[in-house]
Amino acid sequence: MNTIRLTVRFFVLVSLSMVVGSTPARCQTQTPTRGDIVIEKHLAHEAAKLSQRVWDGAKSRDEWNARRPRLKQELIAS
């Protein structure tokens, strides 16, 4: 049993070292293109809009529980 654990740990460590140790050229940092910048700005804007609606504005658990039936109905209806 102990030998099996050591063998599994060895293979896990070897596998991880191979993944971490090998960095392909395509993973190196590149200068972002104009399109990359536009997409990042769009995603940041959308994330900001969504974060304003978190929990539908509820500040407490009771408020959230009061809003859940309506939100569930909206989700089912859409």
C-alpha atoms as a PDB file:
ATOM      1  CA  MET A   1       0.000   0.000   0.000  1.00  0.00           C
ATOM      2  CA  ASN A   2       2.772   2.420   0.942  1.00  0.00           C
ATOM      3  CA  THR A   3       4.614   1.628  -2.296  1.00  0.00           C
ATOM      4  CA  ILE A   4       1.522   2.478  -4.319  1.00  0.00           C
ATOM      5  CA  ARG A   5       1.192   5.863  -2.600  1.00  0.00           C
ATOM      6  CA  LEU A   6       4.848   6.662  -3.236  1.00  0.00           C
ATOM      7  CA  THR A   7       4.527   5.658  -6.872  1.00  0.00           C
ATOM      8  CA  VAL A   8       1.424   7.793  -7.383  1.00  0.00           C
ATOM      9  CA  ARG A   9       3.067  10.773  -5.672  1.00  0.00           C
ATOM     10  CA  PHE A  10       6.166  10.324  -7.814  1.00  0.00           C
ATOM     11  CA  PHE A  11       4.163  10.330 -11.053  1.00  0.00           C
ATOM     12  CA  VAL A  12       2.142  13.349  -9.941  1.00  0.00           C
ATOM     13  CA  LEU A  13       5.311  15.288  -9.131  1.00  0.00           C
ATOM     14  CA  VAL A  14       6.945  14.306 -12.410  1.00  0.00           C
ATOM     15  CA  SER A  15       3.820  15.288 -14.366  1.00  0.00           C
ATOM     16  CA  LEU A  16       3.558  18.642 -12.621  1.00  0.00           C
ATOM     17  CA  SER A  17       7.227  19.399 -13.146  1.00  0.00           C
ATOM     18  CA  MET A  18       6.863  18.647 -16.855  1.00  0.00           C
ATOM     19  CA  VAL A  19       3.864  20.970 -17.183  1.00  0.00           C
ATOM     20  CA  VAL A  20       5.358  23.794 -15.136  1.00  0.00           C
ATOM     21  CA  GLY A  21       8.861  23.415 -16.546  1.00  0.00           C
ATOM     22  CA  SER A  22       7.889  23.569 -20.204  1.00  0.00           C
ATOM     23  CA  THR A  23       6.775  26.967 -21.443  1.00  0.00           C
ATOM     24  CA  PRO A  24       5.913  26.958 -25.132  1.00  0.00           C
ATOM     25  CA  ALA A  25       6.776  30.027 -27.189  1.00  0.00           C
ATOM     26  CA  ARG A  26       3.109  30.804 -27.843  1.00  0.00           C
ATOM     27  CA  CYS A  27       2.504  31.319 -24.104  1.00  0.00           C
ATOM     28  CA  GLN A  28       5.027  34.131 -23.849  1.00  0.00           C
ATOM     29  CA  THR A  29       3.708  37.642 -23.260  1.00  0.00           C
ATOM     30  CA  GLN A  30       2.911  39.566 -26.424  1.00  0.00           C
ATOM     31  CA  THR A  31       1.912  43.167 -27.006  1.00  0.00           C
ATOM     32  CA  PRO A  32      -1.901  43.304 -27.073  1.00  0.00           C
ATOM     33  CA  THR A  33      -3.451  44.183 -30.407  1.00  0.00           C
ATOM     34  CA  ARG A  34      -6.036  46.934 -30.899  1.00  0.00           C
ATOM     35  CA  GLY A  35      -8.749  44.279 -30.979  1.00  0.00           C
ATOM     36  CA  ASP A  36      -7.541  42.784 -27.694  1.00  0.00           C
ATOM     37  CA  ILE A  37      -7.742  46.194 -26.044  1.00  0.00           C
ATOM     38  CA  VAL A  38     -11.267  46.810 -27.369  1.00  0.00           C
ATOM     39  CA  ILE A  39     -12.460  43.398 -26.139  1.00  0.00           C
ATOM     40  CA  GLU A  40     -10.881  43.913 -22.700  1.00  0.00           C
ATOM     41  CA  LYS A  41     -12.593  47.315 -22.350  1.00  0.00           C
ATOM     42  CA  HIS A  42     -15.931  45.819 -23.399  1.00  0.00           C
ATOM     43  CA  LEU A  43     -15.619  42.936 -20.934  1.00  0.00           C
ATOM     44  CA  ALA A  44     -14.613  45.302 -18.115  1.00  0.00           C
ATOM     45  CA  HIS A  45     -17.662  47.470 -18.871  1.00  0.00           C
ATOM     46  CA  GLU A  46     -20.003  44.455 -18.898  1.00  0.00           C
ATOM     47  CA  ALA A  47     -18.508  43.128 -15.654  1.00  0.00           C
ATOM     48  CA  ALA A  48     -19.052  46.511 -14.004  1.00  0.00           C
ATOM     49  CA  LYS A  49     -22.706  46.528 -15.128  1.00  0.00           C
ATOM     50  CA  LEU A  50     -23.263  43.023 -13.801  1.00  0.00           C
ATOM     51  CA  SER A  51     -21.567  43.721 -10.479  1.00  0.00           C
ATOM     52  CA  GLN A  52     -23.997  46.588  -9.850  1.00  0.00           C
ATOM     53  CA  ARG A  53     -26.883  44.104 -10.046  1.00  0.00           C
ATOM     54  CA  VAL A  54     -25.442  41.505  -7.688  1.00  0.00           C
ATOM     55  CA  TRP A  55     -28.119  40.050  -5.414  1.00  0.00           C
ATOM     56  CA  ASP A  56     -30.655  42.364  -7.092  1.00  0.00           C
ATOM     57  CA  GLY A  57     -29.611  45.138  -4.710  1.00  0.00           C
ATOM     58  CA  ALA A  58     -30.378  43.139  -1.556  1.00  0.00           C
ATOM     59  CA  LYS A  59     -28.317  44.150   1.466  1.00  0.00           C
ATOM     60  CA  SER A  60     -29.380  41.385   3.834  1.00  0.00           C
ATOM     61  CA  ARG A  61     -30.393  37.744   3.728  1.00  0.00           C
ATOM     62  CA  ASP A  62     -34.020  38.624   4.478  1.00  0.00           C
ATOM     63  CA  GLU A  63     -34.139  41.065   1.543  1.00  0.00           C
ATOM     64  CA  TRP A  64     -32.587  38.431  -0.730  1.00  0.00           C
ATOM     65  CA  ASN A  65     -35.061  35.761   0.388  1.00  0.00           C
ATOM     66  CA  ALA A  66     -37.943  38.183  -0.243  1.00  0.00           C
ATOM     67  CA  ARG A  67     -36.743  38.792  -3.836  1.00  0.00           C
ATOM     68  CA  ARG A  68     -35.926  35.197  -4.746  1.00  0.00           C
ATOM     69  CA  PRO A  69     -39.456  34.128  -5.840  1.00  0.00           C
ATOM     70  CA  ARG A  70     -39.727  37.045  -8.269  1.00  0.00           C
ATOM     71  CA  LEU A  71     -36.248  36.455  -9.661  1.00  0.00           C
ATOM     72  CA  LYS A  72     -36.923  32.748 -10.026  1.00  0.00           C
ATOM     73  CA  GLN A  73     -40.110  33.495 -11.931  1.00  0.00           C
ATOM     74  CA  GLU A  74     -38.219  35.903 -14.211  1.00  0.00           C
ATOM     75  CA  LEU A  75     -35.596  33.234 -14.869  1.00  0.00           C
ATOM     76  CA  ILE A  76     -38.197  30.605 -15.718  1.00  0.00           C
ATOM     77  CA  ALA A  77     -40.158  32.992 -17.941  1.00  0.00           C
ATOM     78  CA  SER A  78     -37.137  33.990 -20.007  1.00  0.00           C
END
